[in-house]
Amino acid sequence: MISYERNIKIFTGNANTPLAKAIADNVGISVGNSEVGVFSDGEIFVNTAETVRGADVYVVQSTCEPVNDHLMELLIIIDAFKRASAGRITAVMPYYGYARQDRKSKARDPISAKLVADLIATAGADRVLTMDLHAPQIQGFFNIPVDHLLGNPILYRYYASKFEHDQDVVVVSPDLGSVTRVRNFAAYLDAPLAIIDKRRPKANVSEVMNIIGNIEGKKVILVDDMIDTAGTISQGANALMERGAKEVHACCTHGVLSGPAIERIRASVIKELVVLDTIPLPEEKRLDKIKVLSVAPVFAEAIERIHDNLSVSTLFV
């Protein structure tokens, strides 16, 4: 635990204040005294009622919906602390928005994930702490240190307990691009792996072509890094049931759950969806079949290790 005498401070914007408070509680301090609001014309302002001079400052802010507002909040908070002579500023971004725009997939596309990285560094952040980037190579977009945490171990432990001694479990990758992540998941649970072969004719639209692996009569766990409109996960779950799966469970690190996602999940054959709280789940999106697990202990431990100049990677060994 970090005592009050140690010069560490945790602040938050408006994106995920419950998570920020949970992280601070796990560290053993209180969230810093600050206010982030808007003027009548929509401009964002920051008021901080305590000194940060020389402090090791951590700003907890997921750039989730509304993405642009929360990104601007983060940049302005960082700028405020830089100008207030903070000793070191770490942008703690449990969810990194714009991560899916990590390359040029067609002519004249922007690489927005790189632009966001440049903005964060220019605003004055000295390092970034994040979890499950959609494309791990985004770490290379930064010219400052990036500590990349993994959400899978939290999910591993949940399913290891839930399906203890159950031999009928198969872990399923929703597409070919997620195979490496899902293979590690399956290895931890000592379960076989299956893969959904799909094609994506356009953004947020996918079509299941084939299932690679034996899922007949099995309890399957669909694993993904994020669920946005839930089209892929619900369609994949239906395809698995049609091909003989006994029941379908699903999980992800980032529950974006935008647009028709909640209705799709409600109508789907998914028995339970487990998400982490990198993105807050408002009351209107809560379903009985959605379970939320907290990342606060992992982020708190990472913050303590960063503060004490210890290795963060050993968290996942």
C-alpha atoms as a PDB file:
ATOM      1  CA  MET A   1       0.000   0.000   0.000  1.00  0.00           C
ATOM      2  CA  ILE A   2       1.186   3.545  -0.725  1.00  0.00           C
ATOM      3  CA  SER A   3       0.955   5.856   2.272  1.00  0.00           C
ATOM      4  CA  TYR A   4      -0.199   9.467   2.204  1.00  0.00           C
ATOM      5  CA  GLU A   5       3.368  10.610   2.864  1.00  0.00           C
ATOM      6  CA  ARG A   6       4.530   9.349  -0.521  1.00  0.00           C
ATOM      7  CA  ASN A   7       4.228  11.891  -3.285  1.00  0.00           C
ATOM      8  CA  ILE A   8       1.714  10.134  -5.532  1.00  0.00           C
ATOM      9  CA  LYS A   9      -1.612  11.526  -6.727  1.00  0.00           C
ATOM     10  CA  ILE A  10      -4.440  10.001  -8.771  1.00  0.00           C
ATOM     11  CA  PHE A  11      -6.862  12.232 -10.677  1.00  0.00           C
ATOM     12  CA  THR A  12      -9.708  11.486 -13.053  1.00  0.00           C
ATOM     13  CA  GLY A  13     -11.764  13.026 -15.801  1.00  0.00           C
ATOM     14  CA  ASN A  14     -15.441  12.251 -16.327  1.00  0.00           C
ATOM     15  CA  ALA A  15     -15.025   9.068 -18.419  1.00  0.00           C
ATOM     16  CA  ASN A  16     -14.909   6.444 -15.669  1.00  0.00           C
ATOM     17  CA  THR A  17     -14.886   7.983 -12.197  1.00  0.00           C
ATOM     18  CA  PRO A  18     -16.011   4.768 -10.399  1.00  0.00           C
ATOM     19  CA  LEU A  19     -12.970   2.938 -11.780  1.00  0.00           C
ATOM     20  CA  ALA A  20     -10.643   5.790 -10.817  1.00  0.00           C
ATOM     21  CA  LYS A  21     -11.970   5.713  -7.255  1.00  0.00           C
ATOM     22  CA  ALA A  22     -11.607   1.928  -7.114  1.00  0.00           C
ATOM     23  CA  ILE A  23      -8.002   2.177  -8.332  1.00  0.00           C
ATOM     24  CA  ALA A  24      -7.219   4.852  -5.742  1.00  0.00           C
ATOM     25  CA  ASP A  25      -8.836   2.739  -3.005  1.00  0.00           C
ATOM     26  CA  ASN A  26      -6.671  -0.216  -3.992  1.00  0.00           C
ATOM     27  CA  VAL A  27      -3.577   1.982  -3.896  1.00  0.00           C
ATOM     28  CA  GLY A  28      -4.625   3.315  -0.487  1.00  0.00           C
ATOM     29  CA  ILE A  29      -5.180   6.983  -1.314  1.00  0.00           C
ATOM     30  CA  SER A  30      -8.095   9.212  -2.319  1.00  0.00           C
ATOM     31  CA  VAL A  31      -8.788  10.596  -5.786  1.00  0.00           C
ATOM     32  CA  GLY A  32      -7.313  14.071  -6.120  1.00  0.00           C
ATOM     33  CA  ASN A  33      -9.489  17.127  -5.619  1.00  0.00           C
ATOM     34  CA  SER A  34     -10.252  18.454  -9.089  1.00  0.00           C
ATOM     35  CA  GLU A  35     -13.195  19.427 -11.263  1.00  0.00           C
ATOM     36  CA  VAL A  36     -13.569  18.873 -14.994  1.00  0.00           C
ATOM     37  CA  GLY A  37     -16.521  20.706 -16.534  1.00  0.00           C
ATOM     38  CA  VAL A  38     -17.661  22.697 -19.565  1.00  0.00           C
ATOM     39  CA  PHE A  39     -18.346  26.339 -20.204  1.00  0.00           C
ATOM     40  CA  SER A  40     -21.666  27.369 -21.762  1.00  0.00           C
ATOM     41  CA  ASP A  41     -20.104  27.231 -25.243  1.00  0.00           C
ATOM     42  CA  GLY A  42     -18.916  23.653 -24.718  1.00  0.00           C
ATOM     43  CA  GLU A  43     -15.251  24.365 -23.983  1.00  0.00           C
ATOM     44  CA  ILE A  44     -13.736  22.118 -21.312  1.00  0.00           C
ATOM     45  CA  PHE A  45     -12.177  23.569 -18.156  1.00  0.00           C
ATOM     46  CA  VAL A  46     -10.165  22.009 -15.337  1.00  0.00           C
ATOM     47  CA  ASN A  47      -9.901  23.251 -11.749  1.00  0.00           C
ATOM     48  CA  THR A  48      -7.496  21.513  -9.370  1.00  0.00           C
ATOM     49  CA  ALA A  49      -7.766  22.405  -5.678  1.00  0.00           C
ATOM     50  CA  GLU A  50      -4.463  20.873  -4.528  1.00  0.00           C
ATOM     51  CA  THR A  51      -0.830  21.201  -5.434  1.00  0.00           C
ATOM     52  CA  VAL A  52       0.811  18.694  -7.764  1.00  0.00           C
ATOM     53  CA  ARG A  53       4.274  20.300  -7.771  1.00  0.00           C
ATOM     54  CA  GLY A  54       6.874  17.556  -7.939  1.00  0.00           C
ATOM     55  CA  ALA A  55       4.224  14.830  -7.557  1.00  0.00           C
ATOM     56  CA  ASP A  56       3.965  11.524  -9.397  1.00  0.00           C
ATOM     57  CA  VAL A  57       0.568  12.129 -11.043  1.00  0.00           C
ATOM     58  CA  TYR A  58      -1.700   9.504 -12.625  1.00  0.00           C
ATOM     59  CA  VAL A  59      -4.675  10.655 -14.715  1.00  0.00           C
ATOM     60  CA  VAL A  60      -7.290   7.911 -15.096  1.00  0.00           C
ATOM     61  CA  GLN A  61      -9.320   8.474 -18.246  1.00  0.00           C
ATOM     62  CA  SER A  62     -10.717   5.984 -20.755  1.00  0.00           C
ATOM     63  CA  THR A  63     -11.339   7.583 -24.128  1.00  0.00           C
ATOM     64  CA  CYS A  64     -14.741   5.928 -24.481  1.00  0.00           C
ATOM     65  CA  GLU A  65     -18.058   7.405 -25.623  1.00  0.00           C
ATOM     66  CA  PRO A  66     -18.252  10.365 -26.120  1.00  0.00           C
ATOM     67  CA  VAL A  67     -14.743   9.681 -27.373  1.00  0.00           C
ATOM     68  CA  ASN A  68     -13.747  13.177 -28.481  1.00  0.00           C
ATOM     69  CA  ASP A  69     -14.963  14.874 -25.285  1.00  0.00           C
ATOM     70  CA  HIS A  70     -13.097  12.414 -23.091  1.00  0.00           C
ATOM     71  CA  LEU A  71      -9.955  12.695 -25.207  1.00  0.00           C
ATOM     72  CA  MET A  72     -10.006  16.495 -24.928  1.00  0.00           C
ATOM     73  CA  GLU A  73     -10.563  16.220 -21.173  1.00  0.00           C
ATOM     74  CA  LEU A  74      -7.484  14.012 -20.906  1.00  0.00           C
ATOM     75  CA  LEU A  75      -5.321  16.380 -22.962  1.00  0.00           C
ATOM     76  CA  ILE A  76      -6.409  19.449 -21.011  1.00  0.00           C
ATOM     77  CA  ILE A  77      -5.920  17.749 -17.628  1.00  0.00           C
ATOM     78  CA  ILE A  78      -2.407  16.670 -18.647  1.00  0.00           C
ATOM     79  CA  ASP A  79      -1.603  20.190 -19.865  1.00  0.00           C
ATOM     80  CA  ALA A  80      -2.872  21.668 -16.583  1.00  0.00           C
ATOM     81  CA  PHE A  81      -0.635  19.379 -14.506  1.00  0.00           C
ATOM     82  CA  LYS A  82       2.375  19.962 -16.743  1.00  0.00           C
ATOM     83  CA  ARG A  83       1.991  23.722 -16.261  1.00  0.00           C
ATOM     84  CA  ALA A  84       1.557  23.138 -12.501  1.00  0.00           C
ATOM     85  CA  SER A  85       5.027  21.519 -12.394  1.00  0.00           C
ATOM     86  CA  ALA A  86       4.011  17.919 -11.730  1.00  0.00           C
ATOM     87  CA  GLY A  87       7.085  15.740 -11.371  1.00  0.00           C
ATOM     88  CA  ARG A  88       5.821  12.994 -13.710  1.00  0.00           C
ATOM     89  CA  ILE A  89       2.477  12.571 -15.475  1.00  0.00           C
ATOM     90  CA  THR A  90       1.141   9.148 -16.466  1.00  0.00           C
ATOM     91  CA  ALA A  91      -1.951   8.912 -18.668  1.00  0.00           C
ATOM     92  CA  VAL A  92      -3.845   5.879 -17.337  1.00  0.00           C
ATOM     93  CA  MET A  93      -6.072   4.828 -20.229  1.00  0.00           C
ATOM     94  CA  PRO A  94      -7.872   1.563 -19.445  1.00  0.00           C
ATOM     95  CA  TYR A  95      -9.496   1.867 -22.891  1.00  0.00           C
ATOM     96  CA  TYR A  96      -7.604   3.567 -25.728  1.00  0.00           C
ATOM     97  CA  GLY A  97     -10.051   5.073 -28.204  1.00  0.00           C
ATOM     98  CA  TYR A  98      -9.183   5.255 -31.921  1.00  0.00           C
ATOM     99  CA  ALA A  99      -7.088   2.071 -31.533  1.00  0.00           C
ATOM    100  CA  ARG A 100      -8.870   0.421 -34.463  1.00  0.00           C
ATOM    101  CA  GLN A 101      -7.576   3.127 -36.813  1.00  0.00           C
ATOM    102  CA  ASP A 102      -4.010   1.807 -36.589  1.00  0.00           C
ATOM    103  CA  ARG A 103      -3.120   1.509 -40.287  1.00  0.00           C
ATOM    104  CA  LYS A 104      -4.103   2.620 -43.785  1.00  0.00           C
ATOM    105  CA  SER A 105      -6.482  -0.034 -45.043  1.00  0.00           C
ATOM    106  CA  LYS A 106      -7.266   1.983 -48.182  1.00  0.00           C
ATOM    107  CA  ALA A 107      -5.977   5.060 -49.942  1.00  0.00           C
ATOM    108  CA  ARG A 108      -6.130   8.366 -48.047  1.00  0.00           C
ATOM    109  CA  ASP A 109      -7.039   6.750 -44.704  1.00  0.00           C
ATOM    110  CA  PRO A 110      -5.718   8.511 -41.576  1.00  0.00           C
ATOM    111  CA  ILE A 111      -3.808   6.619 -38.897  1.00  0.00           C
ATOM    112  CA  SER A 112      -5.761   8.136 -36.031  1.00  0.00           C
ATOM    113  CA  ALA A 113      -4.232   5.906 -33.344  1.00  0.00           C
ATOM    114  CA  LYS A 114      -0.851   7.501 -34.100  1.00  0.00           C
ATOM    115  CA  LEU A 115      -2.349  11.005 -34.075  1.00  0.00           C
ATOM    116  CA  VAL A 116      -3.848  10.390 -30.623  1.00  0.00           C
ATOM    117  CA  ALA A 117      -0.478   9.094 -29.385  1.00  0.00           C
ATOM    118  CA  ASP A 118       1.204  12.283 -30.610  1.00  0.00           C
ATOM    119  CA  LEU A 119      -1.441  14.466 -28.949  1.00  0.00           C
ATOM    120  CA  ILE A 120      -1.003  12.753 -25.578  1.00  0.00           C
ATOM    121  CA  ALA A 121       2.767  13.138 -25.672  1.00  0.00           C
ATOM    122  CA  THR A 122       2.549  16.755 -26.868  1.00  0.00           C
ATOM    123  CA  ALA A 123       0.093  17.604 -24.080  1.00  0.00           C
ATOM    124  CA  GLY A 124       2.811  16.636 -21.596  1.00  0.00           C
ATOM    125  CA  ALA A 125       2.347  12.992 -20.584  1.00  0.00           C
ATOM    126  CA  ASP A 126       5.586  11.269 -19.583  1.00  0.00           C
ATOM    127  CA  ARG A 127       4.245   7.738 -19.965  1.00  0.00           C
ATOM    128  CA  VAL A 128       1.051   5.816 -20.718  1.00  0.00           C
ATOM    129  CA  LEU A 129      -0.556   2.926 -18.853  1.00  0.00           C
ATOM    130  CA  THR A 130      -3.221   1.078 -20.825  1.00  0.00           C
ATOM    131  CA  MET A 131      -4.859  -2.329 -21.263  1.00  0.00           C
ATOM    132  CA  ASP A 132      -5.396  -4.621 -24.259  1.00  0.00           C
ATOM    133  CA  LEU A 133      -4.698  -2.321 -27.168  1.00  0.00           C
ATOM    134  CA  HIS A 134      -6.637  -3.498 -30.217  1.00  0.00           C
ATOM    135  CA  ALA A 135      -3.302  -3.631 -32.059  1.00  0.00           C
ATOM    136  CA  PRO A 136      -0.285  -4.163 -29.759  1.00  0.00           C
ATOM    137  CA  GLN A 137       2.003  -2.337 -32.209  1.00  0.00           C
ATOM    138  CA  ILE A 138       0.305   0.926 -31.168  1.00  0.00           C
ATOM    139  CA  GLN A 139       2.851   0.948 -28.336  1.00  0.00           C
ATOM    140  CA  GLY A 140       5.363   1.856 -31.042  1.00  0.00           C
ATOM    141  CA  PHE A 141       3.334   4.928 -32.024  1.00  0.00           C
ATOM    142  CA  PHE A 142       4.470   6.626 -28.791  1.00  0.00           C
ATOM    143  CA  ASN A 143       7.808   8.307 -28.196  1.00  0.00           C
ATOM    144  CA  ILE A 144       7.257   7.890 -24.444  1.00  0.00           C
ATOM    145  CA  PRO A 145       7.143   4.653 -22.395  1.00  0.00           C
ATOM    146  CA  VAL A 146       3.950   2.579 -22.629  1.00  0.00           C
ATOM    147  CA  ASP A 147       3.011  -0.076 -20.081  1.00  0.00           C
ATOM    148  CA  HIS A 148       0.564  -2.483 -21.717  1.00  0.00           C
ATOM    149  CA  LEU A 149      -1.543  -4.478 -19.243  1.00  0.00           C
ATOM    150  CA  LEU A 150      -3.464  -7.634 -20.141  1.00  0.00           C
ATOM    151  CA  GLY A 151      -7.116  -8.244 -19.320  1.00  0.00           C
ATOM    152  CA  ASN A 152      -7.078 -11.961 -20.094  1.00  0.00           C
ATOM    153  CA  PRO A 153      -5.639 -13.089 -16.723  1.00  0.00           C
ATOM    154  CA  ILE A 154      -8.681 -11.609 -14.964  1.00  0.00           C
ATOM    155  CA  LEU A 155     -10.944 -13.561 -17.314  1.00  0.00           C
ATOM    156  CA  TYR A 156      -8.786 -16.705 -17.002  1.00  0.00           C
ATOM    157  CA  ARG A 157      -9.308 -16.802 -13.249  1.00  0.00           C
ATOM    158  CA  TYR A 158     -13.048 -16.268 -13.560  1.00  0.00           C
ATOM    159  CA  TYR A 159     -13.553 -19.131 -16.030  1.00  0.00           C
ATOM    160  CA  ALA A 160     -11.072 -21.421 -14.280  1.00  0.00           C
ATOM    161  CA  SER A 161     -13.276 -21.147 -11.200  1.00  0.00           C
ATOM    162  CA  LYS A 162     -16.552 -21.308 -13.113  1.00  0.00           C
ATOM    163  CA  PHE A 163     -15.652 -24.400 -15.152  1.00  0.00           C
ATOM    164  CA  GLU A 164     -13.389 -26.152 -12.653  1.00  0.00           C
ATOM    165  CA  HIS A 165     -13.312 -29.914 -13.348  1.00  0.00           C
ATOM    166  CA  ASP A 166     -15.487 -29.399 -16.462  1.00  0.00           C
ATOM    167  CA  GLN A 167     -13.976 -31.269 -19.428  1.00  0.00           C
ATOM    168  CA  ASP A 168     -16.525 -30.100 -22.022  1.00  0.00           C
ATOM    169  CA  VAL A 169     -15.178 -26.568 -22.508  1.00  0.00           C
ATOM    170  CA  VAL A 170     -13.848 -25.239 -25.833  1.00  0.00           C
ATOM    171  CA  VAL A 171     -12.360 -21.755 -26.235  1.00  0.00           C
ATOM    172  CA  VAL A 172     -13.317 -20.086 -29.521  1.00  0.00           C
ATOM    173  CA  SER A 173     -11.626 -17.290 -31.449  1.00  0.00           C
ATOM    174  CA  PRO A 174     -14.197 -15.059 -33.220  1.00  0.00           C
ATOM    175  CA  ASP A 175     -11.827 -14.561 -36.176  1.00  0.00           C
ATOM    176  CA  LEU A 176      -8.398 -15.491 -37.492  1.00  0.00           C
ATOM    177  CA  GLY A 177      -6.847 -12.258 -36.216  1.00  0.00           C
ATOM    178  CA  SER A 178      -7.554 -13.134 -32.581  1.00  0.00           C
ATOM    179  CA  VAL A 179      -6.063 -16.632 -32.636  1.00  0.00           C
ATOM    180  CA  THR A 180      -2.867 -15.821 -30.709  1.00  0.00           C
ATOM    181  CA  ARG A 181      -4.760 -14.155 -27.863  1.00  0.00           C
ATOM    182  CA  VAL A 182      -7.322 -16.930 -27.692  1.00  0.00           C
ATOM    183  CA  ARG A 183      -4.718 -19.689 -27.928  1.00  0.00           C
ATOM    184  CA  ASN A 184      -3.129 -18.380 -24.710  1.00  0.00           C
ATOM    185  CA  PHE A 185      -6.584 -18.317 -23.124  1.00  0.00           C
ATOM    186  CA  ALA A 186      -7.203 -21.936 -24.102  1.00  0.00           C
ATOM    187  CA  ALA A 187      -3.762 -22.999 -22.845  1.00  0.00           C
ATOM    188  CA  TYR A 188      -4.423 -21.467 -19.434  1.00  0.00           C
ATOM    189  CA  LEU A 189      -7.731 -23.345 -19.122  1.00  0.00           C
ATOM    190  CA  ASP A 190      -6.163 -26.488 -20.635  1.00  0.00           C
ATOM    191  CA  ALA A 191      -9.038 -26.512 -23.139  1.00  0.00           C
ATOM    192  CA  PRO A 192      -9.112 -27.125 -26.922  1.00  0.00           C
ATOM    193  CA  LEU A 193      -9.282 -24.247 -29.376  1.00  0.00           C
ATOM    194  CA  ALA A 194     -11.752 -23.588 -32.194  1.00  0.00           C
ATOM    195  CA  ILE A 195     -11.828 -20.740 -34.728  1.00  0.00           C
ATOM    196  CA  ILE A 196     -14.664 -18.960 -36.514  1.00  0.00           C
ATOM    197  CA  ASP A 197     -13.737 -18.258 -40.122  1.00  0.00           C
ATOM    198  CA  LYS A 198     -15.589 -15.135 -41.218  1.00  0.00           C
ATOM    199  CA  ARG A 199     -15.400 -12.335 -43.729  1.00  0.00           C
ATOM    200  CA  ARG A 200     -16.193  -8.665 -43.182  1.00  0.00           C
ATOM    201  CA  PRO A 201     -17.704  -7.067 -46.319  1.00  0.00           C
ATOM    202  CA  LYS A 202     -17.845  -3.644 -44.619  1.00  0.00           C
ATOM    203  CA  ALA A 203     -17.328  -2.002 -41.224  1.00  0.00           C
ATOM    204  CA  ASN A 204     -19.412  -3.473 -38.360  1.00  0.00           C
ATOM    205  CA  VAL A 205     -20.741  -6.217 -40.686  1.00  0.00           C
ATOM    206  CA  SER A 206     -19.451  -9.800 -40.683  1.00  0.00           C
ATOM    207  CA  GLU A 207     -20.476 -13.142 -42.165  1.00  0.00           C
ATOM    208  CA  VAL A 208     -19.571 -16.536 -40.659  1.00  0.00           C
ATOM    209  CA  MET A 209     -18.124 -18.854 -43.298  1.00  0.00           C
ATOM    210  CA  ASN A 210     -16.988 -21.902 -41.301  1.00  0.00           C
ATOM    211  CA  ILE A 211     -16.110 -23.261 -37.832  1.00  0.00           C
ATOM    212  CA  ILE A 212     -12.631 -24.772 -37.525  1.00  0.00           C
ATOM    213  CA  GLY A 213     -12.520 -27.261 -34.648  1.00  0.00           C
ATOM    214  CA  ASN A 214     -14.893 -29.530 -32.744  1.00  0.00           C
ATOM    215  CA  ILE A 215     -17.555 -27.691 -30.765  1.00  0.00           C
ATOM    216  CA  GLU A 216     -20.406 -30.214 -30.964  1.00  0.00           C
ATOM    217  CA  GLY A 217     -21.917 -30.883 -27.524  1.00  0.00           C
ATOM    218  CA  LYS A 218     -19.430 -28.485 -25.889  1.00  0.00           C
ATOM    219  CA  LYS A 219     -19.691 -25.432 -23.674  1.00  0.00           C
ATOM    220  CA  VAL A 220     -17.889 -22.772 -25.685  1.00  0.00           C
ATOM    221  CA  ILE A 221     -16.272 -19.510 -24.568  1.00  0.00           C
ATOM    222  CA  LEU A 222     -16.024 -16.829 -27.247  1.00  0.00           C
ATOM    223  CA  VAL A 223     -13.072 -14.550 -26.449  1.00  0.00           C
ATOM    224  CA  ASP A 224     -12.458 -11.097 -27.957  1.00  0.00           C
ATOM    225  CA  ASP A 225     -10.598  -7.927 -26.977  1.00  0.00           C
ATOM    226  CA  MET A 226     -13.664  -5.699 -27.465  1.00  0.00           C
ATOM    227  CA  ILE A 227     -17.337  -5.893 -28.352  1.00  0.00           C
ATOM    228  CA  ASP A 228     -18.706  -2.832 -30.137  1.00  0.00           C
ATOM    229  CA  THR A 229     -22.032  -3.306 -31.935  1.00  0.00           C
ATOM    230  CA  ALA A 230     -22.097  -7.018 -30.917  1.00  0.00           C
ATOM    231  CA  GLY A 231     -22.797  -8.147 -34.484  1.00  0.00           C
ATOM    232  CA  THR A 232     -19.721 -10.392 -34.658  1.00  0.00           C
ATOM    233  CA  ILE A 233     -20.181 -11.945 -31.216  1.00  0.00           C
ATOM    234  CA  SER A 234     -23.934 -12.570 -31.516  1.00  0.00           C
ATOM    235  CA  GLN A 235     -23.643 -13.929 -35.060  1.00  0.00           C
ATOM    236  CA  GLY A 236     -20.736 -16.136 -34.009  1.00  0.00           C
ATOM    237  CA  ALA A 237     -22.717 -17.436 -31.012  1.00  0.00           C
ATOM    238  CA  ASN A 238     -25.681 -18.296 -33.232  1.00  0.00           C
ATOM    239  CA  ALA A 239     -23.409 -20.106 -35.710  1.00  0.00           C
ATOM    240  CA  LEU A 240     -21.856 -22.141 -32.889  1.00  0.00           C
ATOM    241  CA  MET A 241     -25.267 -23.209 -31.566  1.00  0.00           C
ATOM    242  CA  GLU A 242     -26.444 -24.101 -35.068  1.00  0.00           C
ATOM    243  CA  ARG A 243     -23.392 -26.333 -35.414  1.00  0.00           C
ATOM    244  CA  GLY A 244     -24.093 -28.228 -32.208  1.00  0.00           C
ATOM    245  CA  ALA A 245     -22.594 -26.288 -29.291  1.00  0.00           C
ATOM    246  CA  LYS A 246     -24.252 -27.053 -25.962  1.00  0.00           C
ATOM    247  CA  GLU A 247     -24.117 -23.465 -24.673  1.00  0.00           C
ATOM    248  CA  VAL A 248     -22.234 -20.280 -25.514  1.00  0.00           C
ATOM    249  CA  HIS A 249     -20.452 -17.954 -23.126  1.00  0.00           C
ATOM    250  CA  ALA A 250     -18.642 -14.814 -24.284  1.00  0.00           C
ATOM    251  CA  CYS A 251     -16.129 -12.409 -22.798  1.00  0.00           C
ATOM    252  CA  CYS A 252     -14.058  -9.372 -23.703  1.00  0.00           C
ATOM    253  CA  THR A 253     -11.870  -6.741 -22.095  1.00  0.00           C
ATOM    254  CA  HIS A 254     -13.625  -3.681 -23.498  1.00  0.00           C
ATOM    255  CA  GLY A 255     -17.424  -3.633 -23.572  1.00  0.00           C
ATOM    256  CA  VAL A 256     -17.951  -0.719 -25.963  1.00  0.00           C
ATOM    257  CA  LEU A 257     -21.536  -1.888 -26.591  1.00  0.00           C
ATOM    258  CA  SER A 258     -22.606   0.880 -28.945  1.00  0.00           C
ATOM    259  CA  GLY A 259     -25.629   1.194 -31.235  1.00  0.00           C
ATOM    260  CA  PRO A 260     -27.739  -1.990 -31.350  1.00  0.00           C
ATOM    261  CA  ALA A 261     -25.325  -3.976 -29.141  1.00  0.00           C
ATOM    262  CA  ILE A 262     -27.569  -4.395 -26.095  1.00  0.00           C
ATOM    263  CA  GLU A 263     -30.578  -5.514 -28.121  1.00  0.00           C
ATOM    264  CA  ARG A 264     -28.423  -7.966 -30.060  1.00  0.00           C
ATOM    265  CA  ILE A 265     -26.984  -9.437 -26.867  1.00  0.00           C
ATOM    266  CA  ARG A 266     -30.435  -9.652 -25.275  1.00  0.00           C
ATOM    267  CA  ALA A 267     -31.784 -11.525 -28.314  1.00  0.00           C
ATOM    268  CA  SER A 268     -28.713 -13.720 -28.776  1.00  0.00           C
ATOM    269  CA  VAL A 269     -28.124 -17.283 -27.587  1.00  0.00           C
ATOM    270  CA  ILE A 270     -25.235 -16.097 -25.384  1.00  0.00           C
ATOM    271  CA  LYS A 271     -25.814 -17.455 -21.889  1.00  0.00           C
ATOM    272  CA  GLU A 272     -23.456 -15.010 -20.164  1.00  0.00           C
ATOM    273  CA  LEU A 273     -21.293 -12.129 -21.351  1.00  0.00           C
ATOM    274  CA  VAL A 274     -18.369 -11.128 -19.121  1.00  0.00           C
ATOM    275  CA  VAL A 275     -16.769  -7.701 -19.613  1.00  0.00           C
ATOM    276  CA  LEU A 276     -14.155  -5.753 -17.685  1.00  0.00           C
ATOM    277  CA  ASP A 277     -14.878  -2.267 -16.356  1.00  0.00           C
ATOM    278  CA  THR A 278     -12.355  -0.422 -18.552  1.00  0.00           C
ATOM    279  CA  ILE A 279     -15.468   1.273 -19.957  1.00  0.00           C
ATOM    280  CA  PRO A 280     -18.339   2.123 -17.580  1.00  0.00           C
ATOM    281  CA  LEU A 281     -21.570   0.206 -18.141  1.00  0.00           C
ATOM    282  CA  PRO A 282     -24.505   2.576 -17.586  1.00  0.00           C
ATOM    283  CA  GLU A 283     -27.662   1.326 -15.915  1.00  0.00           C
ATOM    284  CA  GLU A 284     -29.642   1.296 -19.152  1.00  0.00           C
ATOM    285  CA  LYS A 285     -27.136  -1.161 -20.679  1.00  0.00           C
ATOM    286  CA  ARG A 286     -27.102  -3.615 -17.780  1.00  0.00           C
ATOM    287  CA  LEU A 287     -28.623  -7.016 -18.514  1.00  0.00           C
ATOM    288  CA  ASP A 288     -28.918 -10.050 -16.271  1.00  0.00           C
ATOM    289  CA  LYS A 289     -26.662 -11.940 -18.678  1.00  0.00           C
ATOM    290  CA  ILE A 290     -23.874  -9.317 -18.518  1.00  0.00           C
ATOM    291  CA  LYS A 291     -21.331  -9.682 -15.707  1.00  0.00           C
ATOM    292  CA  VAL A 292     -18.708  -6.998 -15.002  1.00  0.00           C
ATOM    293  CA  LEU A 293     -15.290  -7.762 -13.482  1.00  0.00           C
ATOM    294  CA  SER A 294     -13.021  -5.001 -12.172  1.00  0.00           C
ATOM    295  CA  VAL A 295      -9.560  -4.112 -13.467  1.00  0.00           C
ATOM    296  CA  ALA A 296      -8.902  -1.793 -10.501  1.00  0.00           C
ATOM    297  CA  PRO A 297      -6.586  -4.178  -8.584  1.00  0.00           C
ATOM    298  CA  VAL A 298      -4.402  -4.734 -11.670  1.00  0.00           C
ATOM    299  CA  PHE A 299      -4.102  -1.020 -12.448  1.00  0.00           C
ATOM    300  CA  ALA A 300      -3.432  -0.219  -8.796  1.00  0.00           C
ATOM    301  CA  GLU A 301      -0.625  -2.784  -8.672  1.00  0.00           C
ATOM    302  CA  ALA A 302       0.822  -1.414 -11.925  1.00  0.00           C
ATOM    303  CA  ILE A 303       0.735   2.146 -10.572  1.00  0.00           C
ATOM    304  CA  GLU A 304       2.546   1.071  -7.413  1.00  0.00           C
ATOM    305  CA  ARG A 305       5.197  -0.717  -9.478  1.00  0.00           C
ATOM    306  CA  ILE A 306       5.682   2.270 -11.790  1.00  0.00           C
ATOM    307  CA  HIS A 307       5.929   4.587  -8.802  1.00  0.00           C
ATOM    308  CA  ASP A 308       8.550   2.345  -7.169  1.00  0.00           C
ATOM    309  CA  ASN A 309      10.431   1.784 -10.466  1.00  0.00           C
ATOM    310  CA  LEU A 310       9.672  -1.929 -10.455  1.00  0.00           C
ATOM    311  CA  SER A 311       8.875  -4.206 -13.379  1.00  0.00           C
ATOM    312  CA  VAL A 312       5.265  -4.162 -14.592  1.00  0.00           C
ATOM    313  CA  SER A 313       5.650  -7.171 -16.889  1.00  0.00           C
ATOM    314  CA  THR A 314       6.044  -9.497 -13.886  1.00  0.00           C
ATOM    315  CA  LEU A 315       2.340  -8.961 -13.189  1.00  0.00           C
ATOM    316  CA  PHE A 316       1.630 -11.443 -15.998  1.00  0.00           C
ATOM    317  CA  VAL A 317       4.381 -14.004 -15.534  1.00  0.00           C
END
